[in-house]
Amino acid sequence: MRRVFLSDICALCSCVMLVRYARTLCSCVMLVRYIRAVSFGVMQGITYMDGYERRTRSI
């Protein structure tokens, strides 16, 4: 009886740890995606501004 109880606790603990790990991994992935999106937007803005300056200079 006690063995079953202990194994249940272990299974529960491993489940909790797995959920926490999955959440951390998910948040990390979201953070990386967000950073990529922001850096991509910044690059787009820089290239756009550069092109804008060139256009105004040529005129």
N, C-alpha and C. Protein backbone atom coordinates (compact mmCIF):
# COMPACT_ATOMS: atom_id res chain seq x y z
N MET A 1 0.83 -1.20 0.00
CA MET A 1 0.00 0.00 0.00
C MET A 1 0.87 1.26 0.00
N ARG A 2 1.86 1.24 0.88
CA ARG A 2 2.73 2.41 0.99
C ARG A 2 3.56 2.60 -0.28
N ARG A 3 3.99 1.50 -0.89
CA ARG A 3 4.78 1.58 -2.11
C ARG A 3 3.97 2.26 -3.23
N VAL A 4 2.74 1.88 -3.36
CA VAL A 4 1.87 2.45 -4.38
C VAL A 4 1.72 3.95 -4.12
N PHE A 5 1.56 4.31 -2.85
CA PHE A 5 1.41 5.72 -2.48
C PHE A 5 2.65 6.50 -2.88
N LEU A 6 3.83 5.94 -2.58
CA LEU A 6 5.08 6.62 -2.90
C LEU A 6 5.25 6.79 -4.41
N SER A 7 4.93 5.72 -5.16
CA SER A 7 5.06 5.81 -6.62
C SER A 7 4.08 6.83 -7.18
N ASP A 8 2.90 6.94 -6.56
CA ASP A 8 1.93 7.95 -7.00
C ASP A 8 2.49 9.35 -6.78
N ILE A 9 3.11 9.56 -5.61
CA ILE A 9 3.71 10.86 -5.31
C ILE A 9 4.81 11.17 -6.33
N CYS A 10 5.63 10.18 -6.63
CA CYS A 10 6.71 10.36 -7.60
C CYS A 10 6.16 10.73 -8.97
N ALA A 11 5.11 10.02 -9.38
CA ALA A 11 4.50 10.28 -10.68
C ALA A 11 3.93 11.70 -10.71
N LEU A 12 3.29 12.07 -9.60
CA LEU A 12 2.71 13.41 -9.51
C LEU A 12 3.81 14.47 -9.60
N CYS A 13 4.89 14.25 -8.86
CA CYS A 13 6.02 15.19 -8.87
C CYS A 13 6.61 15.32 -10.26
N SER A 14 6.79 14.19 -10.94
CA SER A 14 7.38 14.22 -12.28
C SER A 14 6.43 14.93 -13.25
N CYS A 15 5.13 14.74 -13.05
CA CYS A 15 4.14 15.43 -13.90
C CYS A 15 4.24 16.94 -13.69
N VAL A 16 4.31 17.35 -12.43
CA VAL A 16 4.42 18.78 -12.11
C VAL A 16 5.68 19.36 -12.72
N MET A 17 6.80 18.64 -12.57
CA MET A 17 8.07 19.11 -13.12
C MET A 17 7.99 19.21 -14.63
N LEU A 18 7.33 18.23 -15.26
CA LEU A 18 7.19 18.22 -16.71
C LEU A 18 6.38 19.43 -17.17
N VAL A 19 5.29 19.72 -16.45
CA VAL A 19 4.44 20.86 -16.79
C VAL A 19 5.23 22.17 -16.65
N ARG A 20 5.98 22.29 -15.55
CA ARG A 20 6.79 23.49 -15.34
C ARG A 20 7.83 23.64 -16.43
N TYR A 21 8.48 22.53 -16.80
CA TYR A 21 9.50 22.55 -17.84
C TYR A 21 8.88 22.97 -19.17
N ALA A 22 7.70 22.40 -19.47
CA ALA A 22 7.01 22.73 -20.72
C ALA A 22 6.65 24.21 -20.75
N ARG A 23 6.17 24.73 -19.63
CA ARG A 23 5.81 26.15 -19.55
C ARG A 23 7.03 27.03 -19.78
N THR A 24 8.14 26.67 -19.13
CA THR A 24 9.38 27.45 -19.28
C THR A 24 9.85 27.42 -20.71
N LEU A 25 9.80 26.24 -21.32
CA LEU A 25 10.23 26.08 -22.71
C LEU A 25 9.35 26.92 -23.63
N CYS A 26 8.04 26.87 -23.37
CA CYS A 26 7.09 27.62 -24.18
C CYS A 26 7.36 29.12 -24.08
N SER A 27 7.57 29.60 -22.87
CA SER A 27 7.82 31.03 -22.67
C SER A 27 9.14 31.43 -23.34
N CYS A 28 10.12 30.55 -23.30
CA CYS A 28 11.40 30.84 -23.95
C CYS A 28 11.21 30.94 -25.45
N VAL A 29 10.44 30.02 -26.02
CA VAL A 29 10.19 30.03 -27.46
C VAL A 29 9.46 31.30 -27.86
N MET A 30 8.46 31.68 -27.06
CA MET A 30 7.70 32.90 -27.34
C MET A 30 8.61 34.12 -27.27
N LEU A 31 9.50 34.12 -26.28
CA LEU A 31 10.43 35.25 -26.12
C LEU A 31 11.36 35.35 -27.33
N VAL A 32 11.87 34.22 -27.78
CA VAL A 32 12.76 34.20 -28.94
C VAL A 32 12.02 34.70 -30.18
N ARG A 33 10.78 34.25 -30.36
CA ARG A 33 9.98 34.69 -31.50
C ARG A 33 9.73 36.19 -31.44
N TYR A 34 9.45 36.67 -30.24
CA TYR A 34 9.19 38.10 -30.06
C TYR A 34 10.43 38.92 -30.40
N ILE A 35 11.59 38.45 -29.90
CA ILE A 35 12.85 39.16 -30.17
C ILE A 35 13.14 39.16 -31.67
N ARG A 36 12.90 38.02 -32.32
CA ARG A 36 13.12 37.92 -33.76
C ARG A 36 12.22 38.90 -34.51
N ALA A 37 10.95 38.93 -34.11
CA ALA A 37 9.99 39.82 -34.77
C ALA A 37 10.41 41.28 -34.59
N VAL A 38 10.82 41.63 -33.38
CA VAL A 38 11.24 43.01 -33.10
C VAL A 38 12.48 43.36 -33.91
N SER A 39 13.47 42.47 -33.93
CA SER A 39 14.70 42.76 -34.67
C SER A 39 14.41 42.84 -36.17
N PHE A 40 13.49 42.00 -36.65
CA PHE A 40 13.12 42.05 -38.06
C PHE A 40 12.45 43.38 -38.38
N GLY A 41 11.57 43.82 -37.49
CA GLY A 41 10.90 45.11 -37.66
C GLY A 41 11.89 46.26 -37.66
N VAL A 42 12.87 46.19 -36.77
CA VAL A 42 13.90 47.24 -36.69
C VAL A 42 14.70 47.26 -37.98
N MET A 43 15.07 46.07 -38.48
CA MET A 43 15.83 46.00 -39.74
C MET A 43 15.02 46.57 -40.89
N GLN A 44 13.74 46.23 -40.94
CA GLN A 44 12.86 46.75 -41.99
C GLN A 44 12.80 48.28 -41.90
N GLY A 45 12.66 48.79 -40.68
CA GLY A 45 12.60 50.23 -40.48
C GLY A 45 13.88 50.92 -40.92
N ILE A 46 15.03 50.30 -40.60
CA ILE A 46 16.32 50.89 -40.98
C ILE A 46 16.45 50.92 -42.50
N THR A 47 16.12 49.80 -43.15
CA THR A 47 16.24 49.75 -44.61
C THR A 47 15.27 50.73 -45.25
N TYR A 48 14.09 50.86 -44.66
CA TYR A 48 13.09 51.79 -45.20
C TYR A 48 13.59 53.23 -45.07
N MET A 49 14.11 53.56 -43.89
CA MET A 49 14.62 54.93 -43.67
C MET A 49 15.81 55.21 -44.59
N ASP A 50 16.66 54.21 -44.77
CA ASP A 50 17.82 54.36 -45.66
C ASP A 50 17.34 54.63 -47.08
N GLY A 51 16.37 53.86 -47.53
CA GLY A 51 15.82 54.05 -48.87
C GLY A 51 15.14 55.41 -48.99
N TYR A 52 14.48 55.83 -47.93
CA TYR A 52 13.78 57.12 -47.92
C TYR A 52 14.79 58.26 -48.06
N GLU A 53 15.91 58.15 -47.33
CA GLU A 53 16.96 59.18 -47.41
C GLU A 53 17.54 59.24 -48.81
N ARG A 54 17.75 58.08 -49.41
CA ARG A 54 18.31 58.03 -50.76
C ARG A 54 17.35 58.69 -51.76
N ARG A 55 16.06 58.37 -51.59
CA ARG A 55 15.06 58.95 -52.50
C ARG A 55 15.03 60.47 -52.38
N THR A 56 15.07 60.97 -51.14
CA THR A 56 15.01 62.42 -50.94
C THR A 56 16.29 63.08 -51.47
N ARG A 57 17.42 62.39 -51.37
CA ARG A 57 18.68 62.94 -51.87
C ARG A 57 18.67 63.01 -53.39
N SER A 58 18.16 61.95 -54.02
CA SER A 58 18.16 61.91 -55.48
C SER A 58 17.23 62.99 -56.05
N ILE A 59 16.19 63.34 -55.30
CA ILE A 59 15.27 64.41 -55.74
C ILE A 59 15.92 65.74 -55.40
